[in-house]
Amino acid sequence: MKTLLSDKVLRRLVLGNLLVAGLLGLATWLSLRANHQADLDLGVAVTQNQARSLSLELTAEMRLVDNALATVAGRYRSRGLDGDDVAALALYEILQEQRALLPFVTALRVTDAKGQVLLTANEEEPPFSVADRSYFERARHSDRMVISDPLVSHSFNKWAIVMARRLQSGDGDFKGIVYAVVSATHFQSLFRRQAFGPDSAIALRSDKDLLVARYSAADPWSVAGIGGSAVSSEYHHALAGNRDSGWYITPTVMDDVERITAYQRLAGYPLTVFTGLGTQSYLAAWRASAWRAWALTGLSMALIALGSVSLYLLQQRERVARIRLAELLRQQELFMDNDLIGIARLRERRLLWTNQALQRMLKRPAGELQGTSARILYPDEETYERSGELAYGALRSSGKCHAQMQLKTSDGSLLWVDVSGAGLADGESIWVFVDIDALKRDEQAAQHQALHDVLTGLANRRALQARLQRELAQACGPGQLAVCFMDLDGFKQINDTEGHDAGDEVLRIVARRLTTQARETDCVARMGGDEFVLLLGELASANDALQAMQRCLASICQPIRLENGATVQVGASIGIALNSARENTTQLLQRADEAMYAAKRAGKGRVVVAEE
């Protein structure tokens, strides 16, 4: 009996509908999975970069304290400062000198061999004993600096950690300890300037897993959990695999907020910094996008399923079949001409058909693309040829293809799209295009954030090291490249008197002044805290770098008018190191850092060039 459609044609239509539905589902799933993984990878990279940056900054602070304690202990032994009042006065002057180099330290003290506090720098407080503290006994029997577990300070009754060194006479007899106290509040203030996101968190723990300090955006100054070791099983699993660095995703025991957590151990010290990025806020945009995509996919699949049922009923009656066929064609047209997903059918890289969504994406009028070469979609001939080789190679091997690429719109601008394709009969193929341009811009912004300081917008430590490595590789000879290490003088006093917001404003203004003084080819970076580095290239002599730093110093020393109406002023101590043969980035930065400290010891507010 003659029917509207033969069984063979009917089967092809049904299979075609199923194929389109499958392609749409596959394209949606592949796109969402790729975007989710990309977001997670970027989140991990950002938290790892933040953990490394904080680890370097904290290690620098620990090393400053270590050097200061070693200086006091060394002078104590070499000068024989145990005894009369003259020796005590000399020791007190040494304490004051070193205390000035440690603005973040709460107290710097000396005890006798019985643990009784004898001297304290810049403080007046009743005498007390630390003989009952475990760090006293540990320092007695060690020739290195020891770091205490978190404890509540005798003098100011707040959580802190203590770093201590043994004092001994010229004969090697134990005479007491010199120790520094760093409060948990200092670490919280440091973490507060580095944190980002409404549910982010940063913590510092000892090698015993004891919490030293913690900052969270929800409760920034909380001391809950300090001194405790409540951690997740994922924490133990990650650190068992790699104690020095790594990452994991799990709800935090302290507040049950799921975070991407990265950690980095401080080099040479029994402390580890943890940085957490909350997944609830970080992945909110991806979840909203996934919900919309699956809603559209589900609606489209439902329409296709309904059309397939209609096709099945064609076998029953021609009249009903005609009605059902019309309905199916209408539904397919609705699907193909949706407003969100572009679709195109090609044969031998020529466009046979495109829907309105694709025409709108590419800013093309209706019908302009039909029958033209796919070359019109690509920004250049090389991209066209390379994409063709990859895409059609994948179609031949697996029957499908998925990629992310840039297409050219009618006005010449480039648009990022997620493309999924599948081969059809008779050499044809069908392609689905999803606009991901906004997502790519967000990724690029996040990548920029990973290489720049959040507060000042300058290059961060990671970007500086990469730039310095390139410059060293390209340098024609020694003395053509200068690393200028700068530390602000008087910054801590502004922080203490005007507040951290004023301190942040000063850092931003100093950053702008340095950028104004630098050339376009120079690199200005913030290393953390109040430390900056300028990388100068194409130098004729060391005098070029010296003159540039003197200009920078003069600019920095100009008075600063704050938003609160106050006028403040800072100075700077600057160390310059010129590149030498076979010197790596770490060694060059270290020489510049040492020259900067030489400038501070020489009286601050000056420039010192490191000896080669």
Protein backbone atom coordinates (compact mmCIF):
# COMPACT_ATOMS: atom_id res chain seq x y z
CA MET A 1 0.00 0.00 0.00
CA LYS A 2 1.27 3.38 -1.00
CA THR A 3 2.15 5.62 1.98
CA LEU A 4 3.41 9.18 2.42
CA LEU A 5 6.92 7.99 3.23
CA SER A 6 8.59 4.68 2.66
CA ASP A 7 9.85 2.68 5.62
CA LYS A 8 13.43 3.40 4.53
CA VAL A 9 12.93 7.16 4.52
CA LEU A 10 11.07 6.91 7.82
CA ARG A 11 13.96 5.11 9.47
CA ARG A 12 16.38 7.75 8.20
CA LEU A 13 14.28 10.55 9.63
CA VAL A 14 14.05 8.85 13.01
CA LEU A 15 17.78 8.16 13.11
CA GLY A 16 18.47 11.74 12.00
CA ASN A 17 16.44 13.12 14.90
CA LEU A 18 18.17 10.83 17.35
CA LEU A 19 21.55 11.86 15.95
CA VAL A 20 20.79 15.57 16.33
CA ALA A 21 19.58 15.01 19.90
CA GLY A 22 22.66 12.95 20.69
CA LEU A 23 24.94 15.56 19.17
CA LEU A 24 23.29 18.32 21.14
CA GLY A 25 23.56 16.36 24.39
CA LEU A 26 27.16 15.41 23.64
CA ALA A 27 28.09 18.98 22.72
CA THR A 28 26.50 20.34 25.89
CA TRP A 29 28.18 17.75 28.10
CA LEU A 30 31.59 18.16 26.48
CA SER A 31 31.41 21.94 26.65
CA LEU A 32 30.30 22.02 30.29
CA ARG A 33 32.86 19.42 31.34
CA ALA A 34 35.66 21.28 29.58
CA ASN A 35 34.59 24.62 31.07
CA HIS A 36 34.26 23.11 34.56
CA GLN A 37 37.70 21.54 34.36
CA ALA A 38 39.17 24.77 33.00
CA ASP A 39 37.62 26.73 35.88
CA LEU A 40 38.95 24.22 38.42
CA ASP A 41 42.41 24.24 36.84
CA LEU A 42 42.46 28.03 36.91
CA GLY A 43 41.26 28.07 40.54
CA VAL A 44 44.02 25.62 41.50
CA ALA A 45 46.62 27.74 39.67
CA VAL A 46 45.45 30.93 41.39
CA THR A 47 45.47 29.36 44.89
CA GLN A 48 48.85 27.71 44.28
CA ASN A 49 50.32 31.01 43.10
CA GLN A 50 48.89 32.76 46.17
CA ALA A 51 50.28 30.04 48.48
CA ARG A 52 53.73 30.31 46.87
CA SER A 53 53.67 34.10 47.11
CA LEU A 54 52.67 34.05 50.79
CA SER A 55 55.23 31.33 51.53
CA LEU A 56 58.00 33.48 50.06
CA GLU A 57 56.83 36.52 52.01
CA LEU A 58 56.57 34.60 55.30
CA THR A 59 59.93 32.90 54.70
CA ALA A 60 61.48 36.34 54.21
CA GLU A 61 60.02 37.46 57.56
CA MET A 62 61.26 34.31 59.32
CA ARG A 63 64.72 34.85 57.82
CA LEU A 64 64.74 38.46 59.03
CA VAL A 65 63.97 37.29 62.58
CA ASP A 66 66.54 34.47 62.30
CA ASN A 67 69.22 36.93 61.17
CA ALA A 68 68.34 39.41 63.92
CA LEU A 69 68.48 36.76 66.67
CA ALA A 70 71.75 35.39 65.26
CA THR A 71 73.20 38.92 65.25
CA VAL A 72 72.28 39.47 68.91
CA ALA A 73 73.64 36.05 69.93
CA GLY A 74 76.85 36.53 67.94
CA ARG A 75 77.59 39.97 69.38
CA TYR A 76 76.72 38.74 72.87
CA ARG A 77 79.35 36.01 72.60
CA SER A 78 82.02 37.99 70.77
CA ARG A 79 81.80 41.07 73.04
CA GLY A 80 81.28 39.18 76.34
CA LEU A 81 78.07 41.04 77.22
CA ASP A 82 77.25 38.99 80.34
CA GLY A 83 78.05 40.88 83.49
CA ASP A 84 78.02 44.55 84.44
CA ASP A 85 75.65 47.42 83.67
CA VAL A 86 77.81 48.59 80.78
CA ALA A 87 77.39 45.20 79.12
CA ALA A 88 73.64 45.33 79.77
CA LEU A 89 73.43 48.79 78.17
CA ALA A 90 75.36 47.56 75.13
CA LEU A 91 73.06 44.56 74.85
CA TYR A 92 70.00 46.83 75.13
CA GLU A 93 71.33 49.00 72.28
CA ILE A 94 71.83 45.89 70.13
CA LEU A 95 68.24 44.84 70.87
CA GLN A 96 66.93 48.26 69.88
CA GLU A 97 68.95 48.20 66.65
CA GLN A 98 67.60 44.79 65.62
CA ARG A 99 64.07 45.63 66.78
CA ALA A 100 64.03 48.54 64.32
CA LEU A 101 64.63 46.05 61.49
CA LEU A 102 61.64 43.91 62.54
CA PRO A 103 58.53 46.13 62.36
CA PHE A 104 56.19 43.12 62.39
CA VAL A 105 57.58 41.66 65.65
CA THR A 106 55.57 42.36 68.82
CA ALA A 107 58.49 41.99 71.24
CA LEU A 108 62.25 41.27 71.26
CA ARG A 109 63.61 40.09 74.64
CA VAL A 110 66.63 38.58 76.42
CA THR A 111 66.50 36.19 79.42
CA ASP A 112 69.10 34.89 81.81
CA ALA A 113 70.04 31.22 82.15
CA LYS A 114 67.07 30.65 84.50
CA GLY A 115 64.52 32.04 82.05
CA GLN A 116 64.01 35.40 83.81
CA VAL A 117 63.44 38.21 81.29
CA LEU A 118 66.26 40.77 81.67
CA LEU A 119 65.89 43.11 78.71
CA THR A 120 63.17 44.00 76.24
CA ALA A 121 63.40 46.43 73.31
CA ASN A 122 61.09 49.50 73.32
CA GLU A 123 58.84 48.11 76.08
CA GLU A 124 58.22 48.73 79.75
CA GLU A 125 56.62 45.79 81.58
CA PRO A 126 57.04 43.98 84.91
CA PRO A 127 59.66 41.20 84.99
CA PHE A 128 58.50 37.67 84.34
CA SER A 129 59.95 34.24 83.58
CA VAL A 130 59.69 32.01 80.52
CA ALA A 131 61.40 29.03 82.15
CA ASP A 132 58.11 27.11 81.99
CA ARG A 133 57.91 27.51 78.20
CA SER A 134 59.01 24.54 76.10
CA TYR A 135 60.87 26.76 73.65
CA PHE A 136 63.22 27.85 76.47
CA GLU A 137 64.49 24.30 76.97
CA ARG A 138 64.60 23.63 73.23
CA ALA A 139 66.70 26.76 72.63
CA ARG A 140 69.01 25.83 75.53
CA HIS A 141 70.02 22.62 73.75
CA SER A 142 70.08 23.88 70.14
CA ASP A 143 72.50 26.03 68.18
CA ARG A 144 69.75 27.00 65.70
CA MET A 145 66.67 29.18 65.95
CA VAL A 146 63.68 27.29 67.38
CA ILE A 147 60.03 28.13 66.71
CA SER A 148 57.45 27.50 69.42
CA ASP A 149 54.02 25.97 69.14
CA PRO A 150 51.17 28.52 69.19
CA LEU A 151 50.86 29.97 72.71
CA VAL A 152 49.19 32.76 74.66
CA SER A 153 51.79 35.42 75.47
CA HIS A 154 52.65 36.14 79.13
CA SER A 155 52.90 39.86 78.47
CA PHE A 156 50.00 40.78 76.17
CA ASN A 157 47.72 37.76 76.66
CA LYS A 158 47.16 37.04 72.96
CA TRP A 159 47.98 34.16 70.64
CA ALA A 160 51.46 34.27 69.15
CA ILE A 161 54.51 32.21 68.22
CA VAL A 162 58.01 32.68 69.62
CA MET A 163 61.33 32.38 67.76
CA ALA A 164 64.31 31.91 70.09
CA ARG A 165 68.10 31.43 70.01
CA ARG A 166 70.60 30.32 72.66
CA LEU A 167 72.92 32.90 74.26
CA GLN A 168 76.31 31.67 75.36
CA SER A 169 79.53 33.08 76.70
CA GLY A 170 82.84 32.99 74.91
CA ASP A 171 83.51 29.69 76.70
CA GLY A 172 80.29 28.18 75.37
CA ASP A 173 78.38 28.32 78.69
CA PHE A 174 74.59 28.78 78.43
CA LYS A 175 73.62 32.31 79.52
CA GLY A 176 69.97 32.53 78.48
CA ILE A 177 68.05 33.10 75.26
CA VAL A 178 67.11 35.95 72.95
CA TYR A 179 63.62 35.60 71.50
CA ALA A 180 61.10 37.42 69.32
CA VAL A 181 57.30 37.31 69.63
CA VAL A 182 55.10 37.49 66.51
CA SER A 183 51.36 37.74 67.18
CA ALA A 184 48.66 35.88 65.30
CA THR A 185 47.14 39.30 64.54
CA HIS A 186 50.16 40.15 62.36
CA PHE A 187 49.61 37.06 60.22
CA GLN A 188 45.86 37.81 59.98
CA SER A 189 46.63 41.35 58.77
CA LEU A 190 49.02 39.97 56.16
CA PHE A 191 46.48 37.37 55.01
CA ARG A 192 43.71 40.00 54.87
CA ARG A 193 45.61 41.96 52.21
CA GLN A 194 46.10 38.83 50.10
CA ALA A 195 42.64 37.22 50.40
CA PHE A 196 40.02 37.44 47.65
CA GLY A 197 36.44 36.18 47.41
CA PRO A 198 33.61 36.22 50.00
CA ASP A 199 34.37 32.69 51.23
CA SER A 200 38.16 32.59 50.91
CA ALA A 201 40.41 31.59 53.81
CA ILE A 202 44.15 31.62 54.56
CA ALA A 203 45.82 29.73 57.41
CA LEU A 204 49.30 29.07 58.81
CA ARG A 205 50.04 25.73 60.49
CA SER A 206 53.08 24.17 62.13
CA ASP A 207 54.61 20.84 61.14
CA LYS A 208 52.58 19.36 64.02
CA ASP A 209 49.43 20.54 62.17
CA LEU A 210 48.77 23.11 64.93
CA LEU A 211 46.92 26.23 63.75
CA VAL A 212 49.13 29.33 64.18
CA ALA A 213 46.79 31.92 62.59
CA ARG A 214 43.77 31.94 60.30
CA TYR A 215 41.93 34.57 58.27
CA SER A 216 38.54 34.10 56.66
CA ALA A 217 36.43 36.76 54.96
CA ALA A 218 33.42 35.73 57.07
CA ASP A 219 35.24 36.12 60.44
CA PRO A 220 38.55 37.90 59.78
CA TRP A 221 39.88 38.34 63.31
CA SER A 222 38.70 35.11 64.90
CA VAL A 223 41.11 33.15 67.11
CA ALA A 224 38.91 30.04 67.16
CA GLY A 225 40.93 26.87 66.63
CA ILE A 226 44.36 28.46 67.15
CA GLY A 227 46.63 25.97 68.86
CA GLY A 228 44.42 23.07 67.73
CA SER A 229 44.93 20.44 65.04
CA ALA A 230 41.41 19.85 63.70
CA VAL A 231 41.93 19.03 60.01
CA SER A 232 40.23 16.91 57.34
CA SER A 233 41.24 13.48 56.06
CA GLU A 234 41.99 15.07 52.67
CA TYR A 235 44.49 17.32 54.45
CA HIS A 236 46.35 14.31 55.85
CA HIS A 237 46.20 12.47 52.53
CA ALA A 238 47.60 15.42 50.55
CA LEU A 239 50.44 16.16 53.00
CA ALA A 240 51.32 12.46 53.23
CA GLY A 241 51.93 12.50 49.47
CA ASN A 242 53.88 15.77 49.41
CA ARG A 243 54.63 17.70 52.58
CA ASP A 244 56.13 20.71 50.80
CA SER A 245 53.37 21.71 48.37
CA GLY A 246 50.12 20.53 46.83
CA TRP A 247 46.37 21.10 46.74
CA TYR A 248 43.07 19.41 47.54
CA ILE A 249 39.34 20.15 47.48
CA THR A 250 37.23 19.47 50.58
CA PRO A 251 35.01 21.23 53.15
CA THR A 252 37.17 22.96 55.77
CA VAL A 253 36.76 21.53 59.27
CA MET A 254 36.74 25.02 60.82
CA ASP A 255 33.59 26.28 59.04
CA ASP A 256 32.41 23.41 56.76
CA VAL A 257 32.92 25.57 53.63
CA GLU A 258 34.17 23.65 50.58
CA ARG A 259 37.29 25.24 49.15
CA ILE A 260 40.06 24.67 46.63
CA THR A 261 42.97 24.63 49.08
CA ALA A 262 46.63 24.96 48.07
CA TYR A 263 49.55 24.74 50.48
CA GLN A 264 53.25 25.64 50.43
CA ARG A 265 55.77 24.89 53.17
CA LEU A 266 58.12 27.70 54.23
CA ALA A 267 61.62 26.81 53.01
CA GLY A 268 63.81 25.99 56.02
CA TYR A 269 61.11 26.50 58.65
CA PRO A 270 58.50 24.13 60.22
CA LEU A 271 55.51 26.14 58.98
CA THR A 272 53.09 25.71 56.07
CA VAL A 273 50.71 28.30 54.58
CA PHE A 274 47.29 27.21 53.27
CA THR A 275 45.17 29.32 50.87
CA GLY A 276 41.55 28.42 50.17
CA LEU A 277 39.19 29.57 47.40
CA GLY A 278 35.50 28.81 48.10
CA THR A 279 33.89 26.75 45.36
CA GLN A 280 30.40 28.06 46.17
CA SER A 281 31.15 31.55 44.88
CA TYR A 282 33.98 30.67 42.48
CA LEU A 283 31.90 28.14 40.48
CA ALA A 284 28.59 30.03 40.74
CA ALA A 285 28.82 31.36 37.19
CA TRP A 286 29.62 27.89 35.82
CA ARG A 287 26.65 26.32 37.67
CA ALA A 288 24.26 28.96 36.32
CA SER A 289 25.59 28.40 32.80
CA ALA A 290 25.26 24.61 33.20
CA TRP A 291 21.65 24.92 34.37
CA ARG A 292 20.72 27.05 31.37
CA ALA A 293 22.54 24.79 28.92
CA TRP A 294 20.92 21.60 30.23
CA ALA A 295 17.51 23.27 30.34
CA LEU A 296 17.82 24.17 26.67
CA THR A 297 19.21 20.73 25.83
CA GLY A 298 16.40 19.00 27.69
CA LEU A 299 13.80 21.13 25.94
CA SER A 300 15.37 20.42 22.56
CA MET A 301 15.56 16.68 23.23
CA ALA A 302 11.94 16.67 24.34
CA LEU A 303 10.92 18.34 21.10
CA ILE A 304 12.92 15.83 19.09
CA ALA A 305 11.41 12.91 21.02
CA LEU A 306 7.95 14.25 20.36
CA GLY A 307 8.81 14.54 16.68
CA SER A 308 10.03 10.94 16.61
CA VAL A 309 6.75 9.72 18.08
CA SER A 310 4.93 11.70 15.44
CA LEU A 311 6.99 10.00 12.73
CA TYR A 312 6.12 6.59 14.13
CA LEU A 313 2.42 7.37 13.87
CA LEU A 314 2.91 8.12 10.16
CA GLN A 315 2.68 4.39 9.53
CA GLN A 316 -0.89 4.28 10.86
CA ARG A 317 -2.72 6.80 8.71
CA GLU A 318 -1.64 9.13 5.94
CA ARG A 319 -3.80 11.96 7.16
CA VAL A 320 -2.49 11.78 10.69
CA ALA A 321 1.01 11.26 9.28
CA ARG A 322 0.74 14.50 7.27
CA ILE A 323 -0.26 16.46 10.37
CA ARG A 324 2.44 14.86 12.48
CA LEU A 325 5.06 15.51 9.83
CA ALA A 326 4.15 19.19 9.67
CA GLU A 327 4.39 19.41 13.45
CA LEU A 328 7.76 17.70 13.43
CA LEU A 329 9.12 20.05 10.77
CA ARG A 330 7.92 23.02 12.77
CA GLN A 331 9.57 21.72 15.94
CA GLN A 332 12.81 21.01 14.11
CA GLU A 333 12.77 24.53 12.73
CA LEU A 334 12.32 25.87 16.27
CA PHE A 335 15.31 23.83 17.42
CA MET A 336 17.55 24.69 14.50
CA ASP A 337 16.69 28.41 14.74
CA ASN A 338 17.17 28.73 18.52
CA ASP A 339 18.72 31.95 19.82
CA LEU A 340 21.62 30.44 21.78
CA ILE A 341 23.32 27.65 19.83
CA GLY A 342 24.63 28.11 16.29
CA ILE A 343 24.33 25.17 13.88
CA ALA A 344 25.78 24.66 10.39
CA ARG A 345 25.81 21.83 7.84
CA LEU A 346 28.83 21.51 5.54
CA ARG A 347 29.99 19.46 2.59
CA GLU A 348 33.59 19.64 1.41
CA ARG A 349 34.08 22.71 3.63
CA ARG A 350 31.26 24.66 1.99
CA LEU A 351 28.32 25.94 4.03
CA LEU A 352 25.09 24.25 2.92
CA TRP A 353 22.95 25.72 5.69
CA THR A 354 23.30 27.89 8.83
CA ASN A 355 20.73 28.82 11.47
CA GLN A 356 19.87 32.31 12.69
CA ALA A 357 21.84 31.92 15.92
CA LEU A 358 25.09 31.35 13.99
CA GLN A 359 24.32 34.25 11.64
CA ARG A 360 23.72 36.48 14.65
CA MET A 361 26.96 35.32 16.35
CA LEU A 362 28.98 36.19 13.24
CA LYS A 363 27.01 39.40 12.53
CA ARG A 364 26.05 38.14 9.06
CA PRO A 365 22.76 38.91 7.29
CA ALA A 366 20.41 36.01 6.55
CA GLY A 367 21.49 33.92 3.56
CA GLU A 368 24.95 35.46 3.18
CA LEU A 369 26.78 32.34 4.38
CA GLN A 370 24.81 29.76 2.44
CA GLY A 371 26.87 28.20 -0.37
CA THR A 372 30.10 30.03 0.57
CA SER A 373 33.43 28.49 1.55
CA ALA A 374 34.03 27.99 5.27
CA ARG A 375 37.19 30.12 4.80
CA ILE A 376 35.01 33.18 5.46
CA LEU A 377 34.67 32.07 9.10
CA TYR A 378 38.41 32.04 9.88
CA PRO A 379 40.72 34.99 10.66
CA ASP A 380 43.49 33.90 8.26
CA GLU A 381 44.51 31.22 5.75
CA GLU A 382 46.86 29.44 8.16
CA THR A 383 44.12 28.99 10.77
CA TYR A 384 41.71 27.78 8.09
CA GLU A 385 44.13 25.11 6.82
CA ARG A 386 45.24 23.94 10.27
CA SER A 387 41.67 23.71 11.61
CA GLY A 388 40.59 21.72 8.57
CA GLU A 389 43.38 19.19 9.00
CA LEU A 390 42.62 18.67 12.70
CA ALA A 391 38.82 18.66 12.44
CA TYR A 392 38.42 16.37 9.44
CA GLY A 393 41.19 14.12 10.71
CA ALA A 394 39.17 13.65 13.91
CA LEU A 395 35.96 13.02 11.91
CA ARG A 396 37.68 10.33 9.85
CA SER A 397 39.15 8.58 12.89
CA SER A 398 36.30 8.79 15.42
CA GLY A 399 33.35 10.33 13.60
CA LYS A 400 33.25 13.38 15.89
CA CYS A 401 35.26 16.45 16.74
CA HIS A 402 35.37 18.96 19.61
CA ALA A 403 37.48 22.11 19.89
CA GLN A 404 37.57 25.73 21.02
CA MET A 405 38.60 28.35 18.47
CA GLN A 406 38.17 31.95 17.31
CA LEU A 407 35.90 32.78 14.36
CA LYS A 408 35.90 36.06 12.43
CA THR A 409 32.74 38.18 12.42
CA SER A 410 31.65 40.46 9.60
CA ASP A 411 33.29 43.50 11.22
CA GLY A 412 36.65 41.69 11.53
CA SER A 413 36.47 41.11 15.28
CA LEU A 414 37.24 37.65 16.70
CA LEU A 415 34.73 35.54 18.67
CA TRP A 416 35.61 32.56 20.88
CA VAL A 417 33.28 29.56 20.29
CA ASP A 418 33.07 25.98 21.54
CA VAL A 419 32.64 23.76 18.45
CA SER A 420 31.37 20.18 18.27
CA GLY A 421 30.98 18.34 14.98
CA ALA A 422 29.97 14.95 13.64
CA GLY A 423 30.11 13.29 10.25
CA LEU A 424 26.90 12.59 8.31
CA ALA A 425 26.15 10.61 5.18
CA ASP A 426 27.30 11.61 1.68
CA GLY A 427 30.37 13.47 2.94
CA GLU A 428 28.35 15.99 4.95
CA SER A 429 28.99 17.07 8.53
CA ILE A 430 27.01 19.00 11.13
CA TRP A 431 28.57 21.51 13.53
CA VAL A 432 27.28 23.07 16.74
CA PHE A 433 28.69 26.43 17.93
CA VAL A 434 28.37 27.80 21.51
CA ASP A 435 29.45 31.39 22.24
CA ILE A 436 32.09 31.26 25.03
CA ASP A 437 33.64 34.68 24.39
CA ALA A 438 32.66 36.07 27.81
CA LEU A 439 34.06 33.00 29.56
CA LYS A 440 37.38 33.34 27.72
CA ARG A 441 37.62 36.99 28.74
CA ASP A 442 37.06 35.95 32.36
CA GLU A 443 39.82 33.33 32.03
CA GLN A 444 42.21 35.94 30.61
CA ALA A 445 41.36 38.29 33.48
CA ALA A 446 42.06 35.51 35.99
CA GLN A 447 45.38 34.74 34.28
CA HIS A 448 46.27 38.44 34.51
CA GLN A 449 45.42 38.36 38.23
CA ALA A 450 47.69 35.34 38.72
CA LEU A 451 50.68 37.39 37.45
CA HIS A 452 49.89 40.76 39.06
CA ASP A 453 49.67 42.13 42.57
CA VAL A 454 46.03 42.53 43.64
CA LEU A 455 46.59 45.74 45.61
CA THR A 456 48.79 47.78 43.25
CA GLY A 457 48.31 46.17 39.85
CA LEU A 458 52.08 45.81 39.46
CA ALA A 459 53.77 42.60 38.37
CA ASN A 460 54.03 40.10 41.23
CA ARG A 461 56.99 37.96 42.30
CA ARG A 462 56.13 35.18 39.84
CA ALA A 463 55.92 37.58 36.86
CA LEU A 464 59.15 39.33 37.89
CA GLN A 465 61.11 36.08 38.08
CA ALA A 466 59.87 35.02 34.63
CA ARG A 467 60.78 38.44 33.16
CA LEU A 468 64.19 38.42 34.87
CA GLN A 469 64.93 34.92 33.55
CA ARG A 470 64.16 36.08 29.99
CA GLU A 471 66.26 39.23 30.35
CA LEU A 472 69.24 37.27 31.70
CA ALA A 473 69.03 34.84 28.78
CA GLN A 474 69.00 37.74 26.28
CA ALA A 475 71.65 39.90 27.96
CA CYS A 476 74.70 40.40 25.72
CA GLY A 477 77.10 40.72 28.64
CA PRO A 478 77.49 41.62 32.34
CA GLY A 479 76.45 45.02 33.64
CA GLN A 480 73.63 45.60 31.13
CA LEU A 481 70.84 44.57 33.50
CA ALA A 482 70.08 45.90 37.00
CA VAL A 483 67.82 44.55 39.74
CA CYS A 484 66.85 47.34 42.15
CA PHE A 485 65.42 46.04 45.45
CA MET A 486 63.49 48.66 47.43
CA ASP A 487 62.04 48.62 50.97
CA LEU A 488 59.98 51.58 52.25
CA ASP A 489 61.20 53.45 55.35
CA GLY A 490 58.55 54.63 57.83
CA PHE A 491 55.73 52.54 56.36
CA LYS A 492 54.99 50.59 59.57
CA GLN A 493 54.41 53.82 61.51
CA ILE A 494 51.77 54.88 58.96
CA ASN A 495 50.09 51.48 59.26
CA ASP A 496 50.09 51.76 63.06
CA THR A 497 48.86 55.37 63.28
CA GLU A 498 46.60 55.74 60.23
CA GLY A 499 45.40 52.15 59.80
CA HIS A 500 45.86 49.40 57.21
CA ASP A 501 43.57 51.10 54.67
CA ALA A 502 45.84 54.14 54.72
CA GLY A 503 48.85 51.84 54.40
CA ASP A 504 47.30 50.22 51.33
CA GLU A 505 46.68 53.69 49.85
CA VAL A 506 50.34 54.60 50.40
CA LEU A 507 51.45 51.40 48.63
CA ARG A 508 49.24 52.21 45.63
CA ILE A 509 50.57 55.78 45.39
CA VAL A 510 54.19 54.60 45.65
CA ALA A 511 53.48 52.05 42.90
CA ARG A 512 52.15 54.81 40.62
CA ARG A 513 55.17 57.01 41.31
CA LEU A 514 57.57 54.18 40.50
CA THR A 515 55.67 53.39 37.29
CA THR A 516 55.89 57.05 36.26
CA GLN A 517 59.66 57.08 36.78
CA ALA A 518 60.23 53.78 34.95
CA ARG A 519 60.74 53.43 31.20
CA GLU A 520 58.35 51.42 29.05
CA THR A 521 60.97 48.67 28.77
CA ASP A 522 61.48 48.46 32.55
CA CYS A 523 59.55 46.14 34.89
CA VAL A 524 58.11 47.40 38.20
CA ALA A 525 57.01 44.66 40.65
CA ARG A 526 55.76 44.36 44.21
CA MET A 527 57.35 41.51 46.17
CA GLY A 528 54.92 41.70 49.08
CA GLY A 529 54.54 43.95 52.13
CA ASP A 530 56.35 47.24 51.47
CA GLU A 531 59.00 45.74 49.17
CA PHE A 532 59.29 46.65 45.47
CA VAL A 533 61.69 45.65 42.70
CA LEU A 534 62.57 47.56 39.50
CA LEU A 535 64.19 45.63 36.65
CA LEU A 536 66.23 47.94 34.38
CA GLY A 537 67.67 46.80 31.06
CA GLU A 538 69.83 48.23 28.26
CA LEU A 539 72.20 50.00 30.68
CA ALA A 540 75.41 51.65 29.56
CA SER A 541 76.89 51.65 33.07
CA ALA A 542 76.01 51.22 36.74
CA ASN A 543 75.65 55.01 36.94
CA ASP A 544 72.51 54.79 34.74
CA ALA A 545 70.83 52.55 37.33
CA LEU A 546 72.07 54.70 40.22
CA GLN A 547 70.65 57.89 38.68
CA ALA A 548 67.32 56.15 37.95
CA MET A 549 67.02 54.98 41.56
CA GLN A 550 67.89 58.42 42.90
CA ARG A 551 65.03 59.82 40.81
CA CYS A 552 62.72 57.12 42.19
CA LEU A 553 63.86 57.87 45.75
CA ALA A 554 63.19 61.58 45.29
CA SER A 555 59.71 60.82 43.93
CA ILE A 556 58.87 58.43 46.79
CA CYS A 557 59.95 60.93 49.44
CA GLN A 558 57.40 63.53 48.26
CA PRO A 559 54.57 64.04 50.84
CA ILE A 560 51.45 61.92 50.33
CA ARG A 561 47.97 63.36 50.86
CA LEU A 562 45.63 60.55 52.00
CA GLU A 563 41.90 60.34 51.36
CA ASN A 564 41.26 60.83 55.11
CA GLY A 565 42.95 64.25 54.89
CA ALA A 566 46.18 63.27 56.61
CA THR A 567 49.56 64.00 55.01
CA VAL A 568 52.24 61.34 55.44
CA GLN A 569 55.71 60.72 54.06
CA VAL A 570 57.80 57.62 53.49
CA GLY A 571 61.35 57.03 52.36
CA ALA A 572 63.11 54.05 50.86
CA SER A 573 66.27 52.01 51.15
CA ILE A 574 67.40 50.71 47.74
CA GLY A 575 69.89 48.04 46.76
CA ILE A 576 71.15 47.68 43.16
CA ALA A 577 72.72 44.52 41.73
CA LEU A 578 74.09 44.40 38.16
CA ASN A 579 74.06 41.09 36.30
CA SER A 580 77.28 39.13 36.07
CA ALA A 581 78.33 36.11 34.02
CA ARG A 582 76.65 32.79 34.83
CA GLU A 583 74.44 34.30 37.55
CA ASN A 584 70.86 33.02 37.91
CA THR A 585 67.72 34.93 38.93
CA THR A 586 67.82 33.82 42.57
CA GLN A 587 71.43 34.90 43.02
CA LEU A 588 70.86 38.28 41.37
CA LEU A 589 67.77 39.00 43.51
CA GLN A 590 69.67 37.90 46.62
CA ARG A 591 72.52 40.33 45.90
CA ALA A 592 70.06 43.18 45.39
CA ASP A 593 68.28 42.24 48.63
CA GLU A 594 71.57 42.23 50.54
CA ALA A 595 72.49 45.62 49.08
CA MET A 596 69.11 46.99 50.22
CA TYR A 597 69.77 45.80 53.80
CA ALA A 598 73.20 47.39 53.59
CA ALA A 599 71.43 50.67 52.72
CA LYS A 600 69.19 50.27 55.79
CA ARG A 601 72.14 49.56 58.05
CA ALA A 602 73.92 52.60 56.66
CA GLY A 603 71.09 54.87 57.81
CA LYS A 604 68.17 54.29 55.41
CA GLY A 605 66.99 56.67 52.69
CA ARG A 606 69.86 55.87 50.37
CA VAL A 607 70.94 53.76 47.40
CA VAL A 608 73.67 51.09 47.66
CA VAL A 609 75.17 49.27 44.65
CA ALA A 610 76.14 45.65 45.37
CA GLU A 611 79.72 44.64 44.78
CA GLU A 612 80.22 42.16 41.93
